[in-house]
Full PDB file with SEQRES, HELIX, SHEET, SSBOND, CRYST1, ORIGX, SCALE, CONECT and MASTER records, all heavy atoms in Angstrom:
SEQRES   1 A   45  SER LEU THR ASP GLY GLY THR VAL ILE ALA GLY SER GLU          
SEQRES   2 A   45  LYS THR LEU GLU VAL GLU ALA GLY ALA ASN LEU LEU ALA          
SEQRES   3 A   45  VAL MET LYS GLU ASN TYR THR ILE GLU GLU ALA ASP GLY          
SEQRES   4 A   45  PHE ILE THR ALA ILE ASP                                      
HELIX    1 AA1 LEU A   24  ASN A   31  1                                   8    
SHEET    1 AA1 2 THR A   3  ASP A   4  0                                        
SHEET    2 AA1 2 THR A   7  VAL A   8 -1                                        
SHEET    1 AA2 2 ILE A  34  ALA A  37  0                                        
SHEET    2 AA2 2 PHE A  40  ILE A  44 -1                                        
CRYST1    1.000    1.000    1.000  90.00  90.00  90.00 P 1           1          
ORIGX1      1.000000  0.000000  0.000000        0.00000                         
ORIGX2      0.000000  1.000000  0.000000        0.00000                         
ORIGX3      0.000000  0.000000  1.000000        0.00000                         
SCALE1      1.000000  0.000000  0.000000        0.00000                         
SCALE2      0.000000  1.000000  0.000000        0.00000                         
SCALE3      0.000000  0.000000  1.000000        0.00000                         
ATOM      1  N   SER A   1      18.163  11.349  -6.645  1.00  0.00           N  
ATOM      2  CA  SER A   1      17.107  10.864  -5.600  1.00  0.00           C  
ATOM      3  C   SER A   1      15.942  10.290  -6.462  1.00  0.00           C  
ATOM      4  O   SER A   1      15.777  10.516  -7.633  1.00  0.00           O  
ATOM      5  CB  SER A   1      16.795  12.111  -4.765  1.00  0.00           C  
ATOM      6  OG  SER A   1      16.221  13.113  -5.631  1.00  0.00           O  
ATOM      7  N   LEU A   2      15.103   9.647  -5.701  1.00  0.00           N  
ATOM      8  CA  LEU A   2      13.942   9.121  -6.296  1.00  0.00           C  
ATOM      9  C   LEU A   2      12.645   9.607  -5.514  1.00  0.00           C  
ATOM     10  O   LEU A   2      12.712   9.795  -4.365  1.00  0.00           O  
ATOM     11  CB  LEU A   2      13.910   7.530  -6.135  1.00  0.00           C  
ATOM     12  CG  LEU A   2      15.117   6.755  -6.457  1.00  0.00           C  
ATOM     13  CD1 LEU A   2      14.949   5.248  -6.131  1.00  0.00           C  
ATOM     14  CD2 LEU A   2      15.492   6.829  -7.946  1.00  0.00           C  
ATOM     15  N   THR A   3      11.680   9.926  -6.255  1.00  0.00           N  
ATOM     16  CA  THR A   3      10.368  10.421  -5.745  1.00  0.00           C  
ATOM     17  C   THR A   3       9.321   9.665  -6.273  1.00  0.00           C  
ATOM     18  O   THR A   3       9.207   9.099  -7.431  1.00  0.00           O  
ATOM     19  CB  THR A   3      10.175  11.978  -6.108  1.00  0.00           C  
ATOM     20  OG1 THR A   3       9.904  12.159  -7.413  1.00  0.00           O  
ATOM     21  CG2 THR A   3      11.257  12.733  -5.599  1.00  0.00           C  
ATOM     22  N   ASP A   4       8.084   9.542  -5.496  1.00  0.00           N  
ATOM     23  CA  ASP A   4       7.046   8.739  -5.915  1.00  0.00           C  
ATOM     24  C   ASP A   4       5.881   9.956  -5.579  1.00  0.00           C  
ATOM     25  O   ASP A   4       5.554  10.214  -4.516  1.00  0.00           O  
ATOM     26  CB  ASP A   4       6.683   7.595  -5.114  1.00  0.00           C  
ATOM     27  CG  ASP A   4       5.501   6.819  -5.496  1.00  0.00           C  
ATOM     28  OD1 ASP A   4       4.768   7.259  -6.407  1.00  0.00           O  
ATOM     29  OD2 ASP A   4       5.221   5.668  -5.130  1.00  0.00           O  
ATOM     30  N   GLY A   5       5.309  10.413  -6.794  1.00  0.00           N  
ATOM     31  CA  GLY A   5       4.208  11.338  -6.599  1.00  0.00           C  
ATOM     32  C   GLY A   5       4.686  12.726  -5.987  1.00  0.00           C  
ATOM     33  O   GLY A   5       3.956  13.314  -5.235  1.00  0.00           O  
ATOM     34  N   GLY A   6       5.905  13.101  -6.053  1.00  0.00           N  
ATOM     35  CA  GLY A   6       6.552  14.204  -5.553  1.00  0.00           C  
ATOM     36  C   GLY A   6       7.152  14.056  -4.063  1.00  0.00           C  
ATOM     37  O   GLY A   6       7.796  15.045  -3.625  1.00  0.00           O  
ATOM     38  N   THR A   7       7.046  12.918  -3.610  1.00  0.00           N  
ATOM     39  CA  THR A   7       7.616  12.693  -2.215  1.00  0.00           C  
ATOM     40  C   THR A   7       8.916  11.808  -2.349  1.00  0.00           C  
ATOM     41  O   THR A   7       8.760  10.787  -3.010  1.00  0.00           O  
ATOM     42  CB  THR A   7       6.596  11.913  -1.328  1.00  0.00           C  
ATOM     43  OG1 THR A   7       5.381  12.619  -1.282  1.00  0.00           O  
ATOM     44  CG2 THR A   7       7.134  11.618   0.106  1.00  0.00           C  
ATOM     45  N   VAL A   8       9.935  12.324  -1.740  1.00  0.00           N  
ATOM     46  CA  VAL A   8      11.194  11.678  -1.893  1.00  0.00           C  
ATOM     47  C   VAL A   8      11.029  10.226  -1.080  1.00  0.00           C  
ATOM     48  O   VAL A   8      10.506  10.181  -0.060  1.00  0.00           O  
ATOM     49  CB  VAL A   8      12.284  12.502  -1.205  1.00  0.00           C  
ATOM     50  CG1 VAL A   8      13.673  11.611  -1.146  1.00  0.00           C  
ATOM     51  CG2 VAL A   8      12.452  13.747  -1.871  1.00  0.00           C  
ATOM     52  N   ILE A   9      11.477   9.285  -1.821  1.00  0.00           N  
ATOM     53  CA  ILE A   9      11.483   7.920  -1.342  1.00  0.00           C  
ATOM     54  C   ILE A   9      12.629   7.796  -0.249  1.00  0.00           C  
ATOM     55  O   ILE A   9      13.785   8.122  -0.586  1.00  0.00           O  
ATOM     56  CB  ILE A   9      11.664   6.771  -2.357  1.00  0.00           C  
ATOM     57  CG1 ILE A   9      10.460   6.977  -3.327  1.00  0.00           C  
ATOM     58  CG2 ILE A   9      11.735   5.431  -1.828  1.00  0.00           C  
ATOM     59  CD1 ILE A   9      10.572   6.117  -4.625  1.00  0.00           C  
ATOM     60  N   ALA A  10      12.238   7.372   1.001  1.00  0.00           N  
ATOM     61  CA  ALA A  10      13.246   7.390   2.016  1.00  0.00           C  
ATOM     62  C   ALA A  10      14.536   6.396   1.675  1.00  0.00           C  
ATOM     63  O   ALA A  10      14.356   5.371   1.139  1.00  0.00           O  
ATOM     64  CB  ALA A  10      12.531   6.642   3.227  1.00  0.00           C  
ATOM     65  N   GLY A  11      15.747   7.082   1.926  1.00  0.00           N  
ATOM     66  CA  GLY A  11      16.949   6.290   1.585  1.00  0.00           C  
ATOM     67  C   GLY A  11      17.356   6.318   0.205  1.00  0.00           C  
ATOM     68  O   GLY A  11      18.337   5.680  -0.076  1.00  0.00           O  
ATOM     69  N   SER A  12      16.637   7.050  -0.621  1.00  0.00           N  
ATOM     70  CA  SER A  12      17.011   6.935  -2.023  1.00  0.00           C  
ATOM     71  C   SER A  12      17.960   7.986  -2.524  1.00  0.00           C  
ATOM     72  O   SER A  12      18.700   7.808  -3.504  1.00  0.00           O  
ATOM     73  CB  SER A  12      15.691   7.069  -2.925  1.00  0.00           C  
ATOM     74  OG  SER A  12      15.119   8.505  -2.935  1.00  0.00           O  
ATOM     75  N   GLU A  13      18.189   9.119  -1.631  1.00  0.00           N  
ATOM     76  CA  GLU A  13      19.010  10.243  -2.052  1.00  0.00           C  
ATOM     77  C   GLU A  13      20.508   9.821  -1.851  1.00  0.00           C  
ATOM     78  O   GLU A  13      20.931   9.338  -0.844  1.00  0.00           O  
ATOM     79  CB  GLU A  13      18.663  11.476  -1.468  1.00  0.00           C  
ATOM     80  CG  GLU A  13      19.462  12.609  -2.008  1.00  0.00           C  
ATOM     81  CD  GLU A  13      18.964  14.033  -1.540  1.00  0.00           C  
ATOM     82  OE1 GLU A  13      17.799  14.063  -1.027  1.00  0.00           O  
ATOM     83  OE2 GLU A  13      19.738  14.972  -1.488  1.00  0.00           O  
ATOM     84  N   LYS A  14      21.333  10.009  -3.043  1.00  0.00           N  
ATOM     85  CA  LYS A  14      22.663   9.635  -2.888  1.00  0.00           C  
ATOM     86  C   LYS A  14      23.499  10.675  -3.494  1.00  0.00           C  
ATOM     87  O   LYS A  14      23.225  11.115  -4.694  1.00  0.00           O  
ATOM     88  CB  LYS A  14      22.966   8.236  -3.539  1.00  0.00           C  
ATOM     89  CG  LYS A  14      22.221   7.126  -2.907  1.00  0.00           C  
ATOM     90  CD  LYS A  14      22.607   5.798  -3.707  1.00  0.00           C  
ATOM     91  CE  LYS A  14      21.861   4.554  -3.041  1.00  0.00           C  
ATOM     92  NZ  LYS A  14      22.202   3.390  -3.803  1.00  0.00           N  
ATOM     93  N   THR A  15      24.668  11.032  -2.897  1.00  0.00           N  
ATOM     94  CA  THR A  15      25.516  12.023  -3.508  1.00  0.00           C  
ATOM     95  C   THR A  15      26.808  11.056  -3.859  1.00  0.00           C  
ATOM     96  O   THR A  15      27.328  10.413  -3.059  1.00  0.00           O  
ATOM     97  CB  THR A  15      26.056  13.141  -2.618  1.00  0.00           C  
ATOM     98  OG1 THR A  15      24.821  13.906  -2.316  1.00  0.00           O  
ATOM     99  CG2 THR A  15      26.965  14.132  -3.159  1.00  0.00           C  
ATOM    100  N   LEU A  16      27.018  11.123  -5.184  1.00  0.00           N  
ATOM    101  CA  LEU A  16      28.112  10.172  -5.714  1.00  0.00           C  
ATOM    102  C   LEU A  16      29.147  10.891  -6.367  1.00  0.00           C  
ATOM    103  O   LEU A  16      29.001  12.044  -7.006  1.00  0.00           O  
ATOM    104  CB  LEU A  16      27.436   9.241  -6.721  1.00  0.00           C  
ATOM    105  CG  LEU A  16      26.073   8.482  -6.330  1.00  0.00           C  
ATOM    106  CD1 LEU A  16      25.528   7.827  -7.458  1.00  0.00           C  
ATOM    107  CD2 LEU A  16      26.554   7.506  -5.247  1.00  0.00           C  
ATOM    108  N   GLU A  17      30.360  10.331  -6.152  1.00  0.00           N  
ATOM    109  CA  GLU A  17      31.573  10.825  -7.059  1.00  0.00           C  
ATOM    110  C   GLU A  17      31.627   9.937  -8.242  1.00  0.00           C  
ATOM    111  O   GLU A  17      31.897   8.713  -8.069  1.00  0.00           O  
ATOM    112  CB  GLU A  17      32.876  10.664  -6.130  1.00  0.00           C  
ATOM    113  CG  GLU A  17      32.892  11.766  -5.126  1.00  0.00           C  
ATOM    114  CD  GLU A  17      32.874  13.254  -5.494  1.00  0.00           C  
ATOM    115  OE1 GLU A  17      33.574  13.453  -6.507  1.00  0.00           O  
ATOM    116  OE2 GLU A  17      32.214  14.071  -4.864  1.00  0.00           O  
ATOM    117  N   VAL A  18      31.397  10.403  -9.384  1.00  0.00           N  
ATOM    118  CA  VAL A  18      31.625   9.667 -10.621  1.00  0.00           C  
ATOM    119  C   VAL A  18      32.654  10.300 -11.547  1.00  0.00           C  
ATOM    120  O   VAL A  18      33.076  11.496 -11.447  1.00  0.00           O  
ATOM    121  CB  VAL A  18      30.185   9.605 -11.377  1.00  0.00           C  
ATOM    122  CG1 VAL A  18      29.235   9.024 -10.304  1.00  0.00           C  
ATOM    123  CG2 VAL A  18      29.757  10.965 -11.739  1.00  0.00           C  
ATOM    124  N   GLU A  19      32.934   9.521 -12.600  1.00  0.00           N  
ATOM    125  CA  GLU A  19      33.762  10.017 -13.615  1.00  0.00           C  
ATOM    126  C   GLU A  19      33.005  11.161 -14.368  1.00  0.00           C  
ATOM    127  O   GLU A  19      31.917  11.022 -14.784  1.00  0.00           O  
ATOM    128  CB  GLU A  19      34.244   9.032 -14.554  1.00  0.00           C  
ATOM    129  CG  GLU A  19      35.210   9.406 -15.655  1.00  0.00           C  
ATOM    130  CD  GLU A  19      35.715   8.161 -16.487  1.00  0.00           C  
ATOM    131  OE1 GLU A  19      35.801   7.074 -15.955  1.00  0.00           O  
ATOM    132  OE2 GLU A  19      35.899   8.454 -17.636  1.00  0.00           O  
ATOM    133  N   ALA A  20      33.679  12.363 -14.535  1.00  0.00           N  
ATOM    134  CA  ALA A  20      33.048  13.487 -15.340  1.00  0.00           C  
ATOM    135  C   ALA A  20      32.654  12.799 -16.715  1.00  0.00           C  
ATOM    136  O   ALA A  20      33.485  12.142 -17.359  1.00  0.00           O  
ATOM    137  CB  ALA A  20      33.927  14.559 -15.457  1.00  0.00           C  
ATOM    138  N   GLY A  21      31.467  12.992 -17.081  1.00  0.00           N  
ATOM    139  CA  GLY A  21      31.008  12.630 -18.403  1.00  0.00           C  
ATOM    140  C   GLY A  21      30.455  11.188 -18.326  1.00  0.00           C  
ATOM    141  O   GLY A  21      30.068  10.634 -19.434  1.00  0.00           O  
ATOM    142  N   ALA A  22      30.309  10.575 -17.182  1.00  0.00           N  
ATOM    143  CA  ALA A  22      29.779   9.343 -17.038  1.00  0.00           C  
ATOM    144  C   ALA A  22      28.368   9.252 -17.496  1.00  0.00           C  
ATOM    145  O   ALA A  22      27.520  10.171 -17.423  1.00  0.00           O  
ATOM    146  CB  ALA A  22      29.943   8.852 -15.660  1.00  0.00           C  
ATOM    147  N   ASN A  23      28.000   8.047 -18.025  1.00  0.00           N  
ATOM    148  CA  ASN A  23      26.660   7.729 -18.399  1.00  0.00           C  
ATOM    149  C   ASN A  23      25.705   7.569 -17.361  1.00  0.00           C  
ATOM    150  O   ASN A  23      25.918   6.773 -16.456  1.00  0.00           O  
ATOM    151  CB  ASN A  23      26.740   6.535 -19.373  1.00  0.00           C  
ATOM    152  CG  ASN A  23      25.539   5.967 -19.877  1.00  0.00           C  
ATOM    153  OD1 ASN A  23      24.667   5.517 -19.147  1.00  0.00           O  
ATOM    154  ND2 ASN A  23      25.330   6.057 -21.178  1.00  0.00           N  
ATOM    155  N   LEU A  24      24.536   8.443 -17.286  1.00  0.00           N  
ATOM    156  CA  LEU A  24      23.634   8.205 -16.222  1.00  0.00           C  
ATOM    157  C   LEU A  24      23.064   6.792 -16.090  1.00  0.00           C  
ATOM    158  O   LEU A  24      22.932   6.294 -14.857  1.00  0.00           O  
ATOM    159  CB  LEU A  24      22.434   9.209 -16.479  1.00  0.00           C  
ATOM    160  CG  LEU A  24      21.350   9.140 -15.311  1.00  0.00           C  
ATOM    161  CD1 LEU A  24      21.750   9.308 -14.016  1.00  0.00           C  
ATOM    162  CD2 LEU A  24      20.277  10.102 -15.772  1.00  0.00           C  
ATOM    163  N   LEU A  25      22.794   6.189 -17.142  1.00  0.00           N  
ATOM    164  CA  LEU A  25      22.197   4.712 -16.976  1.00  0.00           C  
ATOM    165  C   LEU A  25      23.185   3.799 -16.363  1.00  0.00           C  
ATOM    166  O   LEU A  25      22.989   3.038 -15.495  1.00  0.00           O  
ATOM    167  CB  LEU A  25      21.815   4.297 -18.385  1.00  0.00           C  
ATOM    168  CG  LEU A  25      21.071   2.802 -18.345  1.00  0.00           C  
ATOM    169  CD1 LEU A  25      19.926   2.822 -17.470  1.00  0.00           C  
ATOM    170  CD2 LEU A  25      20.805   2.368 -19.717  1.00  0.00           C  
ATOM    171  N   ALA A  26      24.560   4.014 -16.712  1.00  0.00           N  
ATOM    172  CA  ALA A  26      25.618   3.108 -16.106  1.00  0.00           C  
ATOM    173  C   ALA A  26      25.663   3.417 -14.690  1.00  0.00           C  
ATOM    174  O   ALA A  26      25.796   2.493 -13.882  1.00  0.00           O  
ATOM    175  CB  ALA A  26      26.920   3.399 -16.872  1.00  0.00           C  
ATOM    176  N   VAL A  27      25.657   4.739 -14.313  1.00  0.00           N  
ATOM    177  CA  VAL A  27      25.857   5.060 -12.868  1.00  0.00           C  
ATOM    178  C   VAL A  27      24.529   4.573 -12.068  1.00  0.00           C  
ATOM    179  O   VAL A  27      24.730   4.143 -10.930  1.00  0.00           O  
ATOM    180  CB  VAL A  27      25.898   6.604 -12.786  1.00  0.00           C  
ATOM    181  CG1 VAL A  27      25.742   7.026 -11.325  1.00  0.00           C  
ATOM    182  CG2 VAL A  27      27.160   7.050 -13.391  1.00  0.00           C  
ATOM    183  N   MET A  28      23.392   4.670 -12.700  1.00  0.00           N  
ATOM    184  CA  MET A  28      22.158   4.069 -11.956  1.00  0.00           C  
ATOM    185  C   MET A  28      22.364   2.613 -11.686  1.00  0.00           C  
ATOM    186  O   MET A  28      22.106   2.100 -10.748  1.00  0.00           O  
ATOM    187  CB  MET A  28      20.943   4.468 -12.819  1.00  0.00           C  
ATOM    188  CG  MET A  28      20.549   5.861 -12.900  1.00  0.00           C  
ATOM    189  SD  MET A  28      20.113   6.548 -11.301  1.00  0.00           S  
ATOM    190  CE  MET A  28      18.654   5.561 -10.863  1.00  0.00           C  
ATOM    191  N   LYS A  29      22.830   1.910 -12.701  1.00  0.00           N  
ATOM    192  CA  LYS A  29      22.955   0.454 -12.590  1.00  0.00           C  
ATOM    193  C   LYS A  29      24.041   0.083 -11.553  1.00  0.00           C  
ATOM    194  O   LYS A  29      23.878  -0.917 -10.857  1.00  0.00           O  
ATOM    195  CB  LYS A  29      23.372  -0.186 -13.955  1.00  0.00           C  
ATOM    196  CG  LYS A  29      22.324  -0.229 -14.887  1.00  0.00           C  
ATOM    197  CD  LYS A  29      22.707  -0.832 -16.285  1.00  0.00           C  
ATOM    198  CE  LYS A  29      21.599  -0.932 -17.131  1.00  0.00           C  
ATOM    199  NZ  LYS A  29      21.985  -1.511 -18.379  1.00  0.00           N  
ATOM    200  N   GLU A  30      25.138   1.003 -11.346  1.00  0.00           N  
ATOM    201  CA  GLU A  30      26.086   0.703 -10.309  1.00  0.00           C  
ATOM    202  C   GLU A  30      25.687   1.029  -8.972  1.00  0.00           C  
ATOM    203  O   GLU A  30      26.165   0.348  -8.001  1.00  0.00           O  
ATOM    204  CB  GLU A  30      27.388   1.507 -10.619  1.00  0.00           C  
ATOM    205  CG  GLU A  30      28.081   1.146 -11.918  1.00  0.00           C  
ATOM    206  CD  GLU A  30      29.195   2.054 -12.264  1.00  0.00           C  
ATOM    207  OE1 GLU A  30      29.552   3.040 -11.467  1.00  0.00           O  
ATOM    208  OE2 GLU A  30      29.730   1.982 -13.424  1.00  0.00           O  
ATOM    209  N   ASN A  31      24.762   1.880  -8.832  1.00  0.00           N  
ATOM    210  CA  ASN A  31      24.231   2.401  -7.444  1.00  0.00           C  
ATOM    211  C   ASN A  31      22.856   2.076  -7.044  1.00  0.00           C  
ATOM    212  O   ASN A  31      22.498   2.257  -5.839  1.00  0.00           O  
ATOM    213  CB  ASN A  31      24.530   3.768  -7.376  1.00  0.00           C  
ATOM    214  CG  ASN A  31      25.945   4.145  -7.549  1.00  0.00           C  
ATOM    215  OD1 ASN A  31      26.669   4.082  -6.557  1.00  0.00           O  
ATOM    216  ND2 ASN A  31      26.433   4.501  -8.734  1.00  0.00           N  
ATOM    217  N   TYR A  32      22.051   1.482  -7.944  1.00  0.00           N  
ATOM    218  CA  TYR A  32      20.722   1.090  -7.522  1.00  0.00           C  
ATOM    219  C   TYR A  32      20.351  -0.238  -8.193  1.00  0.00           C  
ATOM    220  O   TYR A  32      21.023  -0.521  -9.205  1.00  0.00           O  
ATOM    221  CB  TYR A  32      19.699   2.254  -8.181  1.00  0.00           C  
ATOM    222  CG  TYR A  32      19.757   3.551  -7.491  1.00  0.00           C  
ATOM    223  CD1 TYR A  32      20.660   4.541  -7.963  1.00  0.00           C  
ATOM    224  CD2 TYR A  32      19.058   3.852  -6.410  1.00  0.00           C  
ATOM    225  CE1 TYR A  32      20.834   5.835  -7.361  1.00  0.00           C  
ATOM    226  CE2 TYR A  32      19.056   5.187  -5.861  1.00  0.00           C  
ATOM    227  CZ  TYR A  32      19.972   6.139  -6.288  1.00  0.00           C  
ATOM    228  OH  TYR A  32      20.041   7.424  -5.833  1.00  0.00           O  
ATOM    229  N   THR A  33      19.282  -0.853  -7.828  1.00  0.00           N  
ATOM    230  CA  THR A  33      18.892  -2.030  -8.528  1.00  0.00           C  
ATOM    231  C   THR A  33      17.852  -1.657  -9.554  1.00  0.00           C  
ATOM    232  O   THR A  33      16.819  -1.030  -9.233  1.00  0.00           O  
ATOM    233  CB  THR A  33      18.133  -3.037  -7.406  1.00  0.00           C  
ATOM    234  OG1 THR A  33      19.064  -3.320  -6.442  1.00  0.00           O  
ATOM    235  CG2 THR A  33      17.742  -4.278  -8.131  1.00  0.00           C  
ATOM    236  N   ILE A  34      18.246  -1.830 -10.801  1.00  0.00           N  
ATOM    237  CA  ILE A  34      17.459  -1.398 -11.938  1.00  0.00           C  
ATOM    238  C   ILE A  34      16.862  -2.672 -12.673  1.00  0.00           C  
ATOM    239  O   ILE A  34      17.502  -3.626 -12.979  1.00  0.00           O  
ATOM    240  CB  ILE A  34      18.391  -0.647 -12.920  1.00  0.00           C  
ATOM    241  CG1 ILE A  34      19.077   0.523 -12.229  1.00  0.00           C  
ATOM    242  CG2 ILE A  34      17.554  -0.225 -14.151  1.00  0.00           C  
ATOM    243  CD1 ILE A  34      18.129   1.665 -11.777  1.00  0.00           C  
ATOM    244  N   GLU A  35      15.552  -2.385 -13.158  1.00  0.00           N  
ATOM    245  CA  GLU A  35      14.906  -3.393 -14.041  1.00  0.00           C  
ATOM    246  C   GLU A  35      14.660  -2.546 -15.222  1.00  0.00           C  
ATOM    247  O   GLU A  35      14.205  -1.445 -15.227  1.00  0.00           O  
ATOM    248  CB  GLU A  35      13.628  -3.935 -13.451  1.00  0.00           C  
ATOM    249  CG  GLU A  35      13.990  -4.846 -12.304  1.00  0.00           C  
ATOM    250  CD  GLU A  35      12.710  -5.401 -11.664  1.00  0.00           C  
ATOM    251  OE1 GLU A  35      11.669  -5.655 -12.359  1.00  0.00           O  
ATOM    252  OE2 GLU A  35      12.738  -5.536 -10.417  1.00  0.00           O  
ATOM    253  N   GLU A  36      14.828  -3.192 -16.452  1.00  0.00           N  
ATOM    254  CA  GLU A  36      14.642  -2.505 -17.642  1.00  0.00           C  
ATOM    255  C   GLU A  36      13.708  -3.402 -18.628  1.00  0.00           C  
ATOM    256  O   GLU A  36      13.720  -4.669 -18.552  1.00  0.00           O  
ATOM    257  CB  GLU A  36      15.811  -2.291 -18.461  1.00  0.00           C  
ATOM    258  CG  GLU A  36      16.834  -1.318 -17.894  1.00  0.00           C  
ATOM    259  CD  GLU A  36      18.127  -1.350 -18.663  1.00  0.00           C  
ATOM    260  OE1 GLU A  36      18.241  -0.402 -19.535  1.00  0.00           O  
ATOM    261  OE2 GLU A  36      19.058  -2.027 -18.325  1.00  0.00           O  
ATOM    262  N   ALA A  37      13.133  -2.659 -19.547  1.00  0.00           N  
ATOM    263  CA  ALA A  37      12.277  -3.331 -20.608  1.00  0.00           C  
ATOM    264  C   ALA A  37      12.293  -2.427 -21.887  1.00  0.00           C  
ATOM    265  O   ALA A  37      12.010  -1.273 -21.701  1.00  0.00           O  
ATOM    266  CB  ALA A  37      10.861  -3.607 -20.148  1.00  0.00           C  
ATOM    267  N   ASP A  38      12.714  -2.992 -22.975  1.00  0.00           N  
ATOM    268  CA  ASP A  38      12.720  -2.219 -24.228  1.00  0.00           C  
ATOM    269  C   ASP A  38      13.476  -0.918 -24.127  1.00  0.00           C  
ATOM    270  O   ASP A  38      13.085   0.099 -24.748  1.00  0.00           O  
ATOM    271  CB  ASP A  38      11.353  -1.999 -24.722  1.00  0.00           C  
ATOM    272  CG  ASP A  38      10.426  -3.319 -25.020  1.00  0.00           C  
ATOM    273  OD1 ASP A  38      11.210  -4.224 -25.496  1.00  0.00           O  
ATOM    274  OD2 ASP A  38       9.307  -3.282 -24.631  1.00  0.00           O  
ATOM    275  N   GLY A  39      14.614  -0.912 -23.372  1.00  0.00           N  
ATOM    276  CA  GLY A  39      15.424   0.319 -23.239  1.00  0.00           C  
ATOM    277  C   GLY A  39      14.896   1.321 -22.182  1.00  0.00           C  
ATOM    278  O   GLY A  39      15.535   2.375 -22.015  1.00  0.00           O  
ATOM    279  N   PHE A  40      13.820   0.942 -21.535  1.00  0.00           N  
ATOM    280  CA  PHE A  40      13.264   1.935 -20.478  1.00  0.00           C  
ATOM    281  C   PHE A  40      13.361   1.309 -19.183  1.00  0.00           C  
ATOM    282  O   PHE A  40      13.293  -0.017 -18.940  1.00  0.00           O  
ATOM    283  CB  PHE A  40      11.755   2.260 -20.746  1.00  0.00           C  
ATOM    284  CG  PHE A  40      11.519   2.923 -22.106  1.00  0.00           C  
ATOM    285  CD1 PHE A  40      11.161   2.310 -23.176  1.00  0.00           C  
ATOM    286  CD2 PHE A  40      11.525   4.240 -22.147  1.00  0.00           C  
ATOM    287  CE1 PHE A  40      10.885   2.932 -24.378  1.00  0.00           C  
ATOM    288  CE2 PHE A  40      11.327   5.066 -23.236  1.00  0.00           C  
ATOM    289  CZ  PHE A  40      11.032   4.339 -24.460  1.00  0.00           C  
ATOM    290  N   ILE A  41      13.733   2.134 -18.162  1.00  0.00           N  
ATOM    291  CA  ILE A  41      13.768   1.666 -16.804  1.00  0.00           C  
ATOM    292  C   ILE A  41      12.400   1.523 -16.238  1.00  0.00           C  
ATOM    293  O   ILE A  41      11.433   2.300 -16.296  1.00  0.00           O  
ATOM    294  CB  ILE A  41      14.428   2.737 -15.902  1.00  0.00           C  
ATOM    295  CG1 ILE A  41      15.998   2.789 -16.242  1.00  0.00           C  
ATOM    296  CG2 ILE A  41      14.369   2.383 -14.379  1.00  0.00           C  
ATOM    297  CD1 ILE A  41      16.778   3.782 -15.475  1.00  0.00           C  
ATOM    298  N   THR A  42      12.093   0.269 -15.770  1.00  0.00           N  
ATOM    299  CA  THR A  42      10.658  -0.115 -15.275  1.00  0.00           C  
ATOM    300  C   THR A  42      10.620  -0.127 -13.744  1.00  0.00           C  
ATOM    301  O   THR A  42       9.573  -0.126 -13.229  1.00  0.00           O  
ATOM    302  CB  THR A  42      10.256  -1.396 -15.841  1.00  0.00           C  
ATOM    303  OG1 THR A  42      11.106  -2.440 -15.632  1.00  0.00           O  
ATOM    304  CG2 THR A  42      10.124  -1.248 -17.412  1.00  0.00           C  
ATOM    305  N   ALA A  43      11.842  -0.315 -13.121  1.00  0.00           N  
ATOM    306  CA  ALA A  43      11.803  -0.391 -11.650  1.00  0.00           C  
ATOM    307  C   ALA A  43      13.129   0.136 -11.105  1.00  0.00           C  
ATOM    308  O   ALA A  43      14.183  -0.164 -11.783  1.00  0.00           O  
ATOM    309  CB  ALA A  43      11.527  -1.802 -11.165  1.00  0.00           C  
ATOM    310  N   ILE A  44      13.147   0.817 -10.018  1.00  0.00           N  
ATOM    311  CA  ILE A  44      14.470   1.350  -9.328  1.00  0.00           C  
ATOM    312  C   ILE A  44      14.268   0.898  -7.892  1.00  0.00           C  
ATOM    313  O   ILE A  44      13.343   1.324  -7.189  1.00  0.00           O  
ATOM    314  CB  ILE A  44      14.617   2.789  -9.491  1.00  0.00           C  
ATOM    315  CG1 ILE A  44      14.637   3.221 -10.997  1.00  0.00           C  
ATOM    316  CG2 ILE A  44      15.899   3.280  -8.904  1.00  0.00           C  
ATOM    317  CD1 ILE A  44      14.604   4.799 -11.227  1.00  0.00           C  
ATOM    318  N   ASP A  45      15.260   0.125  -7.521  1.00  0.00           N  
ATOM    319  CA  ASP A  45      15.301  -0.305  -6.106  1.00  0.00           C  
ATOM    320  C   ASP A  45      13.902  -0.885  -5.512  1.00  0.00           C  
ATOM    321  O   ASP A  45      13.329  -0.512  -4.477  1.00  0.00           O  
ATOM    322  CB  ASP A  45      15.680   0.811  -5.101  1.00  0.00           C  
ATOM    323  CG  ASP A  45      17.193   1.001  -5.089  1.00  0.00           C  
ATOM    324  OD1 ASP A  45      17.902   0.142  -5.773  1.00  0.00           O  
ATOM    325  OD2 ASP A  45      17.667   1.923  -4.429  1.00  0.00           O  
TER     326      ASP A  45                                                      
MASTER        0    0    0    1    4    0    0    6  325    1    0    4          
END                                                                             
């Protein structure tokens, strides 16, 4: 899930079935719109 200042962002919570041991960054890229800079996530959805 995603929060902004402690408040859950509407529609952001997802329960996903993933491969055990899957990489969080890869799962995020598959299920959310991600922007990155210098290896850091700068925007999600």
